[in-house]
PDB file of all heavy atoms in Angstrom:
ATOM      1  N   THR A   1       3.988  17.026  12.288  1.00  0.00           N
ATOM      2  CA  THR A   1       5.008  18.049  12.012  1.00  0.00           C
ATOM      3  C   THR A   1       5.869  17.723  10.785  1.00  0.00           C
ATOM      4  O   THR A   1       6.820  18.441  10.507  1.00  0.00           O
ATOM      5  CB  THR A   1       5.925  18.246  13.212  1.00  0.00           C
ATOM      6  OG1 THR A   1       6.698  17.015  13.410  1.00  0.00           O
ATOM      7  CG2 THR A   1       5.135  18.541  14.506  1.00  0.00           C
ATOM      8  N   ALA A   2       5.557  16.662  10.086  1.00  0.00           N
ATOM      9  CA  ALA A   2       6.428  16.160   8.972  1.00  0.00           C
ATOM     10  C   ALA A   2       5.971  16.760   7.650  1.00  0.00           C
ATOM     11  O   ALA A   2       6.007  16.040   6.641  1.00  0.00           O
ATOM     12  CB  ALA A   2       6.392  14.634   8.949  1.00  0.00           C
ATOM     13  N   GLY A   3       5.516  17.947   7.623  1.00  0.00           N
ATOM     14  CA  GLY A   3       5.081  18.565   6.367  1.00  0.00           C
ATOM     15  C   GLY A   3       6.240  18.806   5.423  1.00  0.00           C
ATOM     16  O   GLY A   3       7.257  19.406   5.824  1.00  0.00           O
ATOM     17  N   PRO A   4       6.181  18.314   4.158  1.00  0.00           N
ATOM     18  CA  PRO A   4       7.254  18.519   3.228  1.00  0.00           C
ATOM     19  C   PRO A   4       7.310  19.972   2.771  1.00  0.00           C
ATOM     20  O   PRO A   4       6.299  20.699   2.841  1.00  0.00           O
ATOM     21  CB  PRO A   4       6.974  17.575   2.081  1.00  0.00           C
ATOM     22  CG  PRO A   4       5.427  17.448   2.158  1.00  0.00           C
ATOM     23  CD  PRO A   4       5.056  17.547   3.569  1.00  0.00           C
ATOM     24  N   SER A   5       8.474  20.365   2.218  1.00  0.00           N
ATOM     25  CA  SER A   5       8.574  21.713   1.671  1.00  0.00           C
ATOM     26  C   SER A   5       7.893  21.785   0.340  1.00  0.00           C
ATOM     27  O   SER A   5       7.451  20.784  -0.279  1.00  0.00           O
ATOM     28  CB  SER A   5      10.067  22.070   1.527  1.00  0.00           C
ATOM     29  OG  SER A   5      10.669  21.166   0.584  1.00  0.00           O
ATOM     30  N   ARG A   6       7.766  23.024  -0.186  1.00  0.00           N
ATOM     31  CA  ARG A   6       7.075  23.199  -1.497  1.00  0.00           C
ATOM     32  C   ARG A   6       7.866  22.496  -2.585  1.00  0.00           C
ATOM     33  O   ARG A   6       7.240  21.904  -3.485  1.00  0.00           O
ATOM     34  CB  ARG A   6       6.984  24.734  -1.776  1.00  0.00           C
ATOM     35  CG  ARG A   6       6.215  25.037  -3.058  1.00  0.00           C
ATOM     36  CD  ARG A   6       6.105  26.520  -3.225  1.00  0.00           C
ATOM     37  NE  ARG A   6       5.477  27.170  -2.101  1.00  0.00           N
ATOM     38  CZ  ARG A   6       5.343  28.471  -1.987  1.00  0.00           C
ATOM     39  NH1 ARG A   6       5.786  29.281  -2.919  1.00  0.00           N
ATOM     40  NH2 ARG A   6       4.738  29.012  -0.891  1.00  0.00           N
ATOM     41  N   SER A   7       9.151  22.588  -2.608  1.00  0.00           N
ATOM     42  CA  SER A   7       9.943  21.902  -3.639  1.00  0.00           C
ATOM     43  C   SER A   7       9.773  20.411  -3.540  1.00  0.00           C
ATOM     44  O   SER A   7       9.723  19.703  -4.614  1.00  0.00           O
ATOM     45  CB  SER A   7      11.450  22.263  -3.496  1.00  0.00           C
ATOM     46  OG  SER A   7      11.942  21.945  -2.238  1.00  0.00           O
ATOM     47  N   GLU A   8       9.679  19.829  -2.380  1.00  0.00           N
ATOM     48  CA  GLU A   8       9.477  18.391  -2.221  1.00  0.00           C
ATOM     49  C   GLU A   8       8.114  17.982  -2.783  1.00  0.00           C
ATOM     50  O   GLU A   8       8.001  16.926  -3.390  1.00  0.00           O
ATOM     51  CB  GLU A   8       9.606  18.000  -0.743  1.00  0.00           C
ATOM     52  CG  GLU A   8      10.989  18.059  -0.215  1.00  0.00           C
ATOM     53  CD  GLU A   8      11.056  17.767   1.276  1.00  0.00           C
ATOM     54  OE1 GLU A   8      10.058  17.961   1.957  1.00  0.00           O
ATOM     55  OE2 GLU A   8      12.175  17.371   1.765  1.00  0.00           O
ATOM     56  N   LEU A   9       7.071  18.781  -2.487  1.00  0.00           N
ATOM     57  CA  LEU A   9       5.760  18.493  -3.007  1.00  0.00           C
ATOM     58  C   LEU A   9       5.749  18.514  -4.563  1.00  0.00           C
ATOM     59  O   LEU A   9       5.171  17.587  -5.175  1.00  0.00           O
ATOM     60  CB  LEU A   9       4.735  19.510  -2.472  1.00  0.00           C
ATOM     61  CG  LEU A   9       4.248  19.293  -1.028  1.00  0.00           C
ATOM     62  CD1 LEU A   9       3.352  20.411  -0.620  1.00  0.00           C
ATOM     63  CD2 LEU A   9       3.553  17.930  -0.874  1.00  0.00           C
ATOM     64  N   ILE A  10       6.327  19.512  -5.123  1.00  0.00           N
ATOM     65  CA  ILE A  10       6.374  19.617  -6.568  1.00  0.00           C
ATOM     66  C   ILE A  10       7.119  18.413  -7.167  1.00  0.00           C
ATOM     67  O   ILE A  10       6.674  17.795  -8.163  1.00  0.00           O
ATOM     68  CB  ILE A  10       7.033  20.915  -7.011  1.00  0.00           C
ATOM     69  CG1 ILE A  10       6.140  22.123  -6.580  1.00  0.00           C
ATOM     70  CG2 ILE A  10       7.271  20.986  -8.507  1.00  0.00           C
ATOM     71  CD1 ILE A  10       6.776  23.457  -6.847  1.00  0.00           C
ATOM     72  N   ALA A  11       8.244  18.091  -6.555  1.00  0.00           N
ATOM     73  CA  ALA A  11       9.026  16.907  -7.032  1.00  0.00           C
ATOM     74  C   ALA A  11       8.212  15.651  -6.920  1.00  0.00           C
ATOM     75  O   ALA A  11       8.238  14.788  -7.858  1.00  0.00           O
ATOM     76  CB  ALA A  11      10.335  16.794  -6.260  1.00  0.00           C
ATOM     77  N   GLU A  12       7.471  15.456  -5.809  1.00  0.00           N
ATOM     78  CA  GLU A  12       6.707  14.224  -5.625  1.00  0.00           C
ATOM     79  C   GLU A  12       5.524  14.136  -6.639  1.00  0.00           C
ATOM     80  O   GLU A  12       5.297  13.099  -7.185  1.00  0.00           O
ATOM     81  CB  GLU A  12       6.188  14.139  -4.233  1.00  0.00           C
ATOM     82  CG  GLU A  12       7.300  13.829  -3.182  1.00  0.00           C
ATOM     83  CD  GLU A  12       6.751  13.553  -1.791  1.00  0.00           C
ATOM     84  OE1 GLU A  12       5.504  13.687  -1.651  1.00  0.00           O
ATOM     85  OE2 GLU A  12       7.481  13.174  -0.902  1.00  0.00           O
ATOM     86  N   PHE A  13       4.871  15.239  -6.842  1.00  0.00           N
ATOM     87  CA  PHE A  13       3.762  15.315  -7.813  1.00  0.00           C
ATOM     88  C   PHE A  13       4.303  14.973  -9.240  1.00  0.00           C
ATOM     89  O   PHE A  13       3.667  14.197  -9.985  1.00  0.00           O
ATOM     90  CB  PHE A  13       3.067  16.606  -7.797  1.00  0.00           C
ATOM     91  CG  PHE A  13       1.937  16.705  -6.794  1.00  0.00           C
ATOM     92  CD1 PHE A  13       2.133  17.221  -5.539  1.00  0.00           C
ATOM     93  CD2 PHE A  13       0.675  16.251  -7.135  1.00  0.00           C
ATOM     94  CE1 PHE A  13       1.086  17.296  -4.600  1.00  0.00           C
ATOM     95  CE2 PHE A  13      -0.375  16.277  -6.215  1.00  0.00           C
ATOM     96  CZ  PHE A  13      -0.129  16.821  -4.958  1.00  0.00           C
ATOM     97  N   SER A  14       5.439  15.568  -9.603  1.00  0.00           N
ATOM     98  CA  SER A  14       6.018  15.329 -10.906  1.00  0.00           C
ATOM     99  C   SER A  14       6.449  13.871 -11.067  1.00  0.00           C
ATOM    100  O   SER A  14       6.164  13.211 -12.062  1.00  0.00           O
ATOM    101  CB  SER A  14       7.213  16.213 -11.144  1.00  0.00           C
ATOM    102  OG  SER A  14       6.813  17.611 -11.057  1.00  0.00           O
ATOM    103  N   ALA A  15       7.156  13.336 -10.062  1.00  0.00           N
ATOM    104  CA  ALA A  15       7.610  11.942 -10.128  1.00  0.00           C
ATOM    105  C   ALA A  15       6.395  10.968 -10.180  1.00  0.00           C
ATOM    106  O   ALA A  15       6.431  10.032 -10.922  1.00  0.00           O
ATOM    107  CB  ALA A  15       8.475  11.644  -8.902  1.00  0.00           C
ATOM    108  N   GLY A  16       5.364  11.258  -9.366  1.00  0.00           N
ATOM    109  CA  GLY A  16       4.189  10.382  -9.387  1.00  0.00           C
ATOM    110  C   GLY A  16       3.502  10.367 -10.722  1.00  0.00           C
ATOM    111  O   GLY A  16       3.087   9.306 -11.209  1.00  0.00           O
ATOM    112  N   LEU A  17       3.436  11.527 -11.398  1.00  0.00           N
ATOM    113  CA  LEU A  17       2.790  11.592 -12.697  1.00  0.00           C
ATOM    114  C   LEU A  17       3.579  10.823 -13.720  1.00  0.00           C
ATOM    115  O   LEU A  17       3.004  10.057 -14.546  1.00  0.00           O
ATOM    116  CB  LEU A  17       2.658  13.078 -13.141  1.00  0.00           C
ATOM    117  CG  LEU A  17       1.994  13.318 -14.488  1.00  0.00           C
ATOM    118  CD1 LEU A  17       0.570  12.771 -14.505  1.00  0.00           C
ATOM    119  CD2 LEU A  17       1.982  14.813 -14.772  1.00  0.00           C
ATOM    120  N   VAL A  18       4.899  11.012 -13.766  1.00  0.00           N
ATOM    121  CA  VAL A  18       5.729  10.318 -14.736  1.00  0.00           C
ATOM    122  C   VAL A  18       5.715   8.788 -14.521  1.00  0.00           C
ATOM    123  O   VAL A  18       5.641   7.997 -15.458  1.00  0.00           O
ATOM    124  CB  VAL A  18       7.160  10.838 -14.696  1.00  0.00           C
ATOM    125  CG1 VAL A  18       8.076  10.010 -15.600  1.00  0.00           C
ATOM    126  CG2 VAL A  18       7.209  12.301 -15.088  1.00  0.00           C
ATOM    127  N   LEU A  19       5.844   8.361 -13.210  1.00  0.00           N
ATOM    128  CA  LEU A  19       5.749   6.930 -12.937  1.00  0.00           C
ATOM    129  C   LEU A  19       4.443   6.339 -13.281  1.00  0.00           C
ATOM    130  O   LEU A  19       4.364   5.178 -13.781  1.00  0.00           O
ATOM    131  CB  LEU A  19       6.081   6.720 -11.429  1.00  0.00           C
ATOM    132  CG  LEU A  19       7.530   6.986 -10.963  1.00  0.00           C
ATOM    133  CD1 LEU A  19       7.634   6.834  -9.476  1.00  0.00           C
ATOM    134  CD2 LEU A  19       8.451   6.009 -11.703  1.00  0.00           C
ATOM    135  N   ALA A  20       3.366   7.083 -13.053  1.00  0.00           N
ATOM    136  CA  ALA A  20       2.014   6.592 -13.441  1.00  0.00           C
ATOM    137  C   ALA A  20       1.927   6.429 -14.958  1.00  0.00           C
ATOM    138  O   ALA A  20       1.323   5.470 -15.469  1.00  0.00           O
ATOM    139  CB  ALA A  20       0.914   7.545 -12.960  1.00  0.00           C
ATOM    140  N   PHE A  21       2.523   7.360 -15.701  1.00  0.00           N
ATOM    141  CA  PHE A  21       2.509   7.265 -17.166  1.00  0.00           C
ATOM    142  C   PHE A  21       3.326   6.042 -17.606  1.00  0.00           C
ATOM    143  O   PHE A  21       2.876   5.346 -18.557  1.00  0.00           O
ATOM    144  CB  PHE A  21       3.140   8.536 -17.743  1.00  0.00           C
ATOM    145  CG  PHE A  21       3.105   8.546 -19.265  1.00  0.00           C
ATOM    146  CD1 PHE A  21       1.977   8.633 -19.985  1.00  0.00           C
ATOM    147  CD2 PHE A  21       4.320   8.447 -19.961  1.00  0.00           C
ATOM    148  CE1 PHE A  21       1.999   8.628 -21.374  1.00  0.00           C
ATOM    149  CE2 PHE A  21       4.365   8.451 -21.345  1.00  0.00           C
ATOM    150  CZ  PHE A  21       3.180   8.519 -22.041  1.00  0.00           C
ATOM    151  N   ALA A  22       4.432   5.801 -16.929  1.00  0.00           N
ATOM    152  CA  ALA A  22       5.199   4.581 -17.277  1.00  0.00           C
ATOM    153  C   ALA A  22       4.437   3.319 -17.050  1.00  0.00           C
ATOM    154  O   ALA A  22       4.465   2.370 -17.830  1.00  0.00           O
ATOM    155  CB  ALA A  22       6.507   4.570 -16.469  1.00  0.00           C
ATOM    156  N   LEU A  23       3.704   3.277 -15.899  1.00  0.00           N
ATOM    157  CA  LEU A  23       2.845   2.104 -15.651  1.00  0.00           C
ATOM    158  C   LEU A  23       1.765   1.955 -16.692  1.00  0.00           C
ATOM    159  O   LEU A  23       1.461   0.846 -17.134  1.00  0.00           O
ATOM    160  CB  LEU A  23       2.245   2.237 -14.253  1.00  0.00           C
ATOM    161  CG  LEU A  23       3.157   2.084 -13.079  1.00  0.00           C
ATOM    162  CD1 LEU A  23       2.412   2.368 -11.762  1.00  0.00           C
ATOM    163  CD2 LEU A  23       3.778   0.676 -12.997  1.00  0.00           C
ATOM    164  N   ALA A  24       1.192   3.089 -17.158  1.00  0.00           N
ATOM    165  CA  ALA A  24       0.154   3.044 -18.146  1.00  0.00           C
ATOM    166  C   ALA A  24       0.687   2.488 -19.487  1.00  0.00           C
ATOM    167  O   ALA A  24       0.030   1.714 -20.209  1.00  0.00           O
ATOM    168  CB  ALA A  24      -0.417   4.414 -18.369  1.00  0.00           C
ATOM    169  N   LEU A  25       1.974   2.893 -19.845  1.00  0.00           N
ATOM    170  CA  LEU A  25       2.586   2.377 -21.027  1.00  0.00           C
ATOM    171  C   LEU A  25       2.729   0.837 -20.930  1.00  0.00           C
ATOM    172  O   LEU A  25       2.554   0.118 -21.967  1.00  0.00           O
ATOM    173  CB  LEU A  25       3.899   3.042 -21.279  1.00  0.00           C
ATOM    174  CG  LEU A  25       3.833   4.534 -21.676  1.00  0.00           C
ATOM    175  CD1 LEU A  25       5.228   5.056 -21.905  1.00  0.00           C
ATOM    176  CD2 LEU A  25       2.985   4.741 -22.935  1.00  0.00           C
ATOM    177  N   LEU A  26       3.152   0.362 -19.779  1.00  0.00           N
ATOM    178  CA  LEU A  26       3.286  -1.082 -19.563  1.00  0.00           C
ATOM    179  C   LEU A  26       1.953  -1.762 -19.750  1.00  0.00           C
ATOM    180  O   LEU A  26       1.857  -2.851 -20.330  1.00  0.00           O
ATOM    181  CB  LEU A  26       3.904  -1.351 -18.228  1.00  0.00           C
ATOM    182  CG  LEU A  26       5.332  -0.962 -17.985  1.00  0.00           C
ATOM    183  CD1 LEU A  26       5.776  -1.313 -16.584  1.00  0.00           C
ATOM    184  CD2 LEU A  26       6.227  -1.693 -18.966  1.00  0.00           C
ATOM    185  N   TYR A  27       0.882  -1.130 -19.248  1.00  0.00           N
ATOM    186  CA  TYR A  27      -0.475  -1.722 -19.369  1.00  0.00           C
ATOM    187  C   TYR A  27      -0.887  -1.789 -20.829  1.00  0.00           C
ATOM    188  O   TYR A  27      -1.373  -2.834 -21.265  1.00  0.00           O
ATOM    189  CB  TYR A  27      -1.422  -0.836 -18.575  1.00  0.00           C
ATOM    190  CG  TYR A  27      -2.881  -1.273 -18.715  1.00  0.00           C
ATOM    191  CD1 TYR A  27      -3.447  -2.314 -17.961  1.00  0.00           C
ATOM    192  CD2 TYR A  27      -3.741  -0.641 -19.631  1.00  0.00           C
ATOM    193  CE1 TYR A  27      -4.752  -2.682 -18.097  1.00  0.00           C
ATOM    194  CE2 TYR A  27      -5.043  -0.997 -19.799  1.00  0.00           C
ATOM    195  CZ  TYR A  27      -5.577  -2.049 -19.021  1.00  0.00           C
ATOM    196  OH  TYR A  27      -6.841  -2.449 -19.174  1.00  0.00           O
ATOM    197  N   LEU A  28      -0.639  -0.696 -21.551  1.00  0.00           N
ATOM    198  CA  LEU A  28      -0.970  -0.691 -22.998  1.00  0.00           C
ATOM    199  C   LEU A  28      -0.141  -1.666 -23.796  1.00  0.00           C
ATOM    200  O   LEU A  28      -0.596  -2.294 -24.750  1.00  0.00           O
ATOM    201  CB  LEU A  28      -0.835   0.716 -23.561  1.00  0.00           C
ATOM    202  CG  LEU A  28      -1.803   1.755 -22.998  1.00  0.00           C
ATOM    203  CD1 LEU A  28      -1.505   3.138 -23.573  1.00  0.00           C
ATOM    204  CD2 LEU A  28      -3.230   1.386 -23.324  1.00  0.00           C
ATOM    205  N   ALA A  29       1.135  -1.803 -23.397  1.00  0.00           N
ATOM    206  CA  ALA A  29       2.022  -2.750 -24.066  1.00  0.00           C
ATOM    207  C   ALA A  29       1.538  -4.186 -23.865  1.00  0.00           C
ATOM    208  O   ALA A  29       1.512  -4.992 -24.794  1.00  0.00           O
ATOM    209  CB  ALA A  29       3.440  -2.584 -23.552  1.00  0.00           C
ATOM    210  N   GLY A  30       1.077  -4.456 -22.643  1.00  0.00           N
ATOM    211  CA  GLY A  30       0.492  -5.777 -22.370  1.00  0.00           C
ATOM    212  C   GLY A  30      -0.745  -6.013 -23.149  1.00  0.00           C
ATOM    213  O   GLY A  30      -1.002  -7.163 -23.669  1.00  0.00           O
ATOM    214  N   SER A  31      -1.616  -5.002 -23.276  1.00  0.00           N
ATOM    215  CA  SER A  31      -2.815  -5.122 -24.057  1.00  0.00           C
ATOM    216  C   SER A  31      -2.521  -5.399 -25.491  1.00  0.00           C
ATOM    217  O   SER A  31      -3.182  -6.246 -26.141  1.00  0.00           O
ATOM    218  CB  SER A  31      -3.681  -3.851 -23.912  1.00  0.00           C
ATOM    219  OG  SER A  31      -4.828  -3.907 -24.761  1.00  0.00           O
ATOM    220  N   PHE A  32      -1.479  -4.725 -26.067  1.00  0.00           N
ATOM    221  CA  PHE A  32      -1.137  -4.934 -27.460  1.00  0.00           C
ATOM    222  C   PHE A  32      -0.537  -6.357 -27.648  1.00  0.00           C
ATOM    223  O   PHE A  32      -0.812  -7.016 -28.697  1.00  0.00           O
ATOM    224  CB  PHE A  32      -0.127  -3.863 -27.877  1.00  0.00           C
ATOM    225  CG  PHE A  32       0.349  -4.029 -29.303  1.00  0.00           C
ATOM    226  CD1 PHE A  32      -0.418  -3.590 -30.338  1.00  0.00           C
ATOM    227  CD2 PHE A  32       1.569  -4.637 -29.564  1.00  0.00           C
ATOM    228  CE1 PHE A  32      -0.038  -3.723 -31.660  1.00  0.00           C
ATOM    229  CE2 PHE A  32       2.015  -4.795 -30.906  1.00  0.00           C
ATOM    230  CZ  PHE A  32       1.206  -4.303 -31.904  1.00  0.00           C
ATOM    231  N   THR A  33       0.218  -6.817 -26.672  1.00  0.00           N
ATOM    232  CA  THR A  33       0.765  -8.153 -26.783  1.00  0.00           C
ATOM    233  C   THR A  33      -0.295  -9.217 -26.865  1.00  0.00           C
ATOM    234  O   THR A  33      -0.153 -10.183 -27.667  1.00  0.00           O
ATOM    235  CB  THR A  33       1.698  -8.431 -25.545  1.00  0.00           C
ATOM    236  OG1 THR A  33       2.688  -7.463 -25.506  1.00  0.00           O
ATOM    237  CG2 THR A  33       2.298  -9.845 -25.632  1.00  0.00           C
ATOM    238  N   PHE A  34      -1.394  -9.099 -26.123  1.00  0.00           N
ATOM    239  CA  PHE A  34      -2.409 -10.129 -26.114  1.00  0.00           C
ATOM    240  C   PHE A  34      -3.472  -9.955 -27.211  1.00  0.00           C
ATOM    241  O   PHE A  34      -4.083 -10.920 -27.650  1.00  0.00           O
ATOM    242  CB  PHE A  34      -3.112 -10.202 -24.725  1.00  0.00           C
ATOM    243  CG  PHE A  34      -2.150 -10.775 -23.678  1.00  0.00           C
ATOM    244  CD1 PHE A  34      -1.549  -9.950 -22.761  1.00  0.00           C
ATOM    245  CD2 PHE A  34      -1.973 -12.144 -23.566  1.00  0.00           C
ATOM    246  CE1 PHE A  34      -0.740 -10.494 -21.771  1.00  0.00           C
ATOM    247  CE2 PHE A  34      -1.116 -12.703 -22.630  1.00  0.00           C
ATOM    248  CZ  PHE A  34      -0.507 -11.847 -21.675  1.00  0.00           C
ATOM    249  N   THR A  35      -3.755  -8.698 -27.539  1.00  0.00           N
ATOM    250  CA  THR A  35      -4.900  -8.460 -28.452  1.00  0.00           C
ATOM    251  C   THR A  35      -4.420  -7.943 -29.838  1.00  0.00           C
ATOM    252  O   THR A  35      -5.185  -7.956 -30.768  1.00  0.00           O
ATOM    253  CB  THR A  35      -5.867  -7.395 -27.877  1.00  0.00           C
ATOM    254  OG1 THR A  35      -5.212  -6.153 -27.728  1.00  0.00           O
ATOM    255  CG2 THR A  35      -6.335  -7.876 -26.540  1.00  0.00           C
ATOM    256  N   GLY A  36      -3.152  -7.465 -29.920  1.00  0.00           N
ATOM    257  CA  GLY A  36      -2.678  -6.902 -31.178  1.00  0.00           C
ATOM    258  C   GLY A  36      -3.226  -5.577 -31.473  1.00  0.00           C
ATOM    259  O   GLY A  36      -3.144  -5.057 -32.603  1.00  0.00           O
ATOM    260  N   ASP A  37      -3.847  -4.879 -30.480  1.00  0.00           N
ATOM    261  CA  ASP A  37      -4.444  -3.569 -30.712  1.00  0.00           C
ATOM    262  C   ASP A  37      -4.353  -2.770 -29.424  1.00  0.00           C
ATOM    263  O   ASP A  37      -4.560  -3.240 -28.340  1.00  0.00           O
ATOM    264  CB  ASP A  37      -5.943  -3.730 -31.087  1.00  0.00           C
ATOM    265  CG  ASP A  37      -6.543  -2.426 -31.564  1.00  0.00           C
ATOM    266  OD1 ASP A  37      -5.823  -1.386 -31.575  1.00  0.00           O
ATOM    267  OD2 ASP A  37      -7.752  -2.455 -31.865  1.00  0.00           O
ATOM    268  N   PHE A  38      -3.993  -1.445 -29.561  1.00  0.00           N
ATOM    269  CA  PHE A  38      -3.933  -0.571 -28.423  1.00  0.00           C
ATOM    270  C   PHE A  38      -5.273  -0.072 -28.008  1.00  0.00           C
ATOM    271  O   PHE A  38      -5.463   0.461 -26.889  1.00  0.00           O
ATOM    272  CB  PHE A  38      -3.024   0.649 -28.723  1.00  0.00           C
ATOM    273  CG  PHE A  38      -1.570   0.316 -28.721  1.00  0.00           C
ATOM    274  CD1 PHE A  38      -0.823   0.474 -29.888  1.00  0.00           C
ATOM    275  CD2 PHE A  38      -0.924  -0.202 -27.626  1.00  0.00           C
ATOM    276  CE1 PHE A  38       0.489   0.132 -29.940  1.00  0.00           C
ATOM    277  CE2 PHE A  38       0.413  -0.508 -27.661  1.00  0.00           C
ATOM    278  CZ  PHE A  38       1.133  -0.360 -28.765  1.00  0.00           C
ATOM    279  N   ASN A  39      -6.308  -0.167 -28.874  1.00  0.00           N
ATOM    280  CA  ASN A  39      -7.644   0.322 -28.580  1.00  0.00           C
ATOM    281  C   ASN A  39      -8.376  -0.766 -27.809  1.00  0.00           C
ATOM    282  O   ASN A  39      -8.729  -1.779 -28.353  1.00  0.00           O
ATOM    283  CB  ASN A  39      -8.359   0.675 -29.878  1.00  0.00           C
ATOM    284  CG  ASN A  39      -9.678   1.390 -29.602  1.00  0.00           C
ATOM    285  OD1 ASN A  39     -10.015   1.708 -28.426  1.00  0.00           O
ATOM    286  ND2 ASN A  39     -10.436   1.666 -30.640  1.00  0.00           N
ATOM    287  N   ALA A  40      -8.551  -0.505 -26.530  1.00  0.00           N
ATOM    288  CA  ALA A  40      -9.248  -1.508 -25.664  1.00  0.00           C
ATOM    289  C   ALA A  40     -10.742  -1.288 -25.640  1.00  0.00           C
ATOM    290  O   ALA A  40     -11.458  -1.978 -24.870  1.00  0.00           O
ATOM    291  CB  ALA A  40      -8.702  -1.480 -24.238  1.00  0.00           C
ATOM    292  N   ILE A  41     -11.274  -0.357 -26.455  1.00  0.00           N
ATOM    293  CA  ILE A  41     -12.690  -0.078 -26.424  1.00  0.00           C
ATOM    294  C   ILE A  41     -13.354  -0.708 -27.656  1.00  0.00           C
ATOM    295  O   ILE A  41     -12.910  -0.565 -28.768  1.00  0.00           O
ATOM    296  CB  ILE A  41     -12.987   1.443 -26.437  1.00  0.00           C
ATOM    297  CG1 ILE A  41     -12.246   2.115 -25.244  1.00  0.00           C
ATOM    298  CG2 ILE A  41     -14.464   1.752 -26.395  1.00  0.00           C
ATOM    299  CD1 ILE A  41     -12.373   3.607 -25.238  1.00  0.00           C
ATOM    300  N   SER A  42     -14.421  -1.408 -27.352  1.00  0.00           N
ATOM    301  CA  SER A  42     -15.146  -2.044 -28.465  1.00  0.00           C
ATOM    302  C   SER A  42     -15.861  -1.024 -29.315  1.00  0.00           C
ATOM    303  O   SER A  42     -16.299   0.040 -28.826  1.00  0.00           O
ATOM    304  CB  SER A  42     -16.176  -3.048 -27.870  1.00  0.00           C
ATOM    305  OG  SER A  42     -16.986  -3.538 -28.882  1.00  0.00           O
ATOM    306  N   SER A  43     -15.965  -1.327 -30.602  1.00  0.00           N
ATOM    307  CA  SER A  43     -16.719  -0.428 -31.492  1.00  0.00           C
ATOM    308  C   SER A  43     -18.249  -0.546 -31.367  1.00  0.00           C
ATOM    309  O   SER A  43     -19.007   0.265 -31.848  1.00  0.00           O
ATOM    310  CB  SER A  43     -16.321  -0.704 -32.950  1.00  0.00           C
ATOM    311  OG  SER A  43     -16.566  -2.094 -33.278  1.00  0.00           O
ATOM    312  N   ASN A  44     -18.677  -1.543 -30.600  1.00  0.00           N
ATOM    313  CA  ASN A  44     -20.106  -1.773 -30.392  1.00  0.00           C
ATOM    314  C   ASN A  44     -20.577  -0.705 -29.415  1.00  0.00           C
ATOM    315  O   ASN A  44     -20.124  -0.555 -28.295  1.00  0.00           O
ATOM    316  CB  ASN A  44     -20.283  -3.207 -29.781  1.00  0.00           C
ATOM    317  CG  ASN A  44     -21.749  -3.528 -29.674  1.00  0.00           C
ATOM    318  OD1 ASN A  44     -22.649  -2.697 -29.777  1.00  0.00           O
ATOM    319  ND2 ASN A  44     -22.069  -4.835 -29.556  1.00  0.00           N
ATOM    320  N   SER A  45     -21.600   0.039 -29.878  1.00  0.00           N
ATOM    321  CA  SER A  45     -22.055   1.185 -29.076  1.00  0.00           C
ATOM    322  C   SER A  45     -22.712   0.773 -27.756  1.00  0.00           C
ATOM    323  O   SER A  45     -22.835   1.534 -26.816  1.00  0.00           O
ATOM    324  CB  SER A  45     -23.074   1.975 -29.895  1.00  0.00           C
ATOM    325  OG  SER A  45     -24.159   1.176 -30.266  1.00  0.00           O
TER     326      SER A  45
END
């Protein structure tokens, strides 16, 4: 019976997306710190 309201769902989806983006920026920042490049994909096909 603990179904959230529509506004709560929208807020949770929005907050989850923004927090995930913040975590991704931290991941990319860590990659740049160790490799000096944001591109983690090799040019080797």
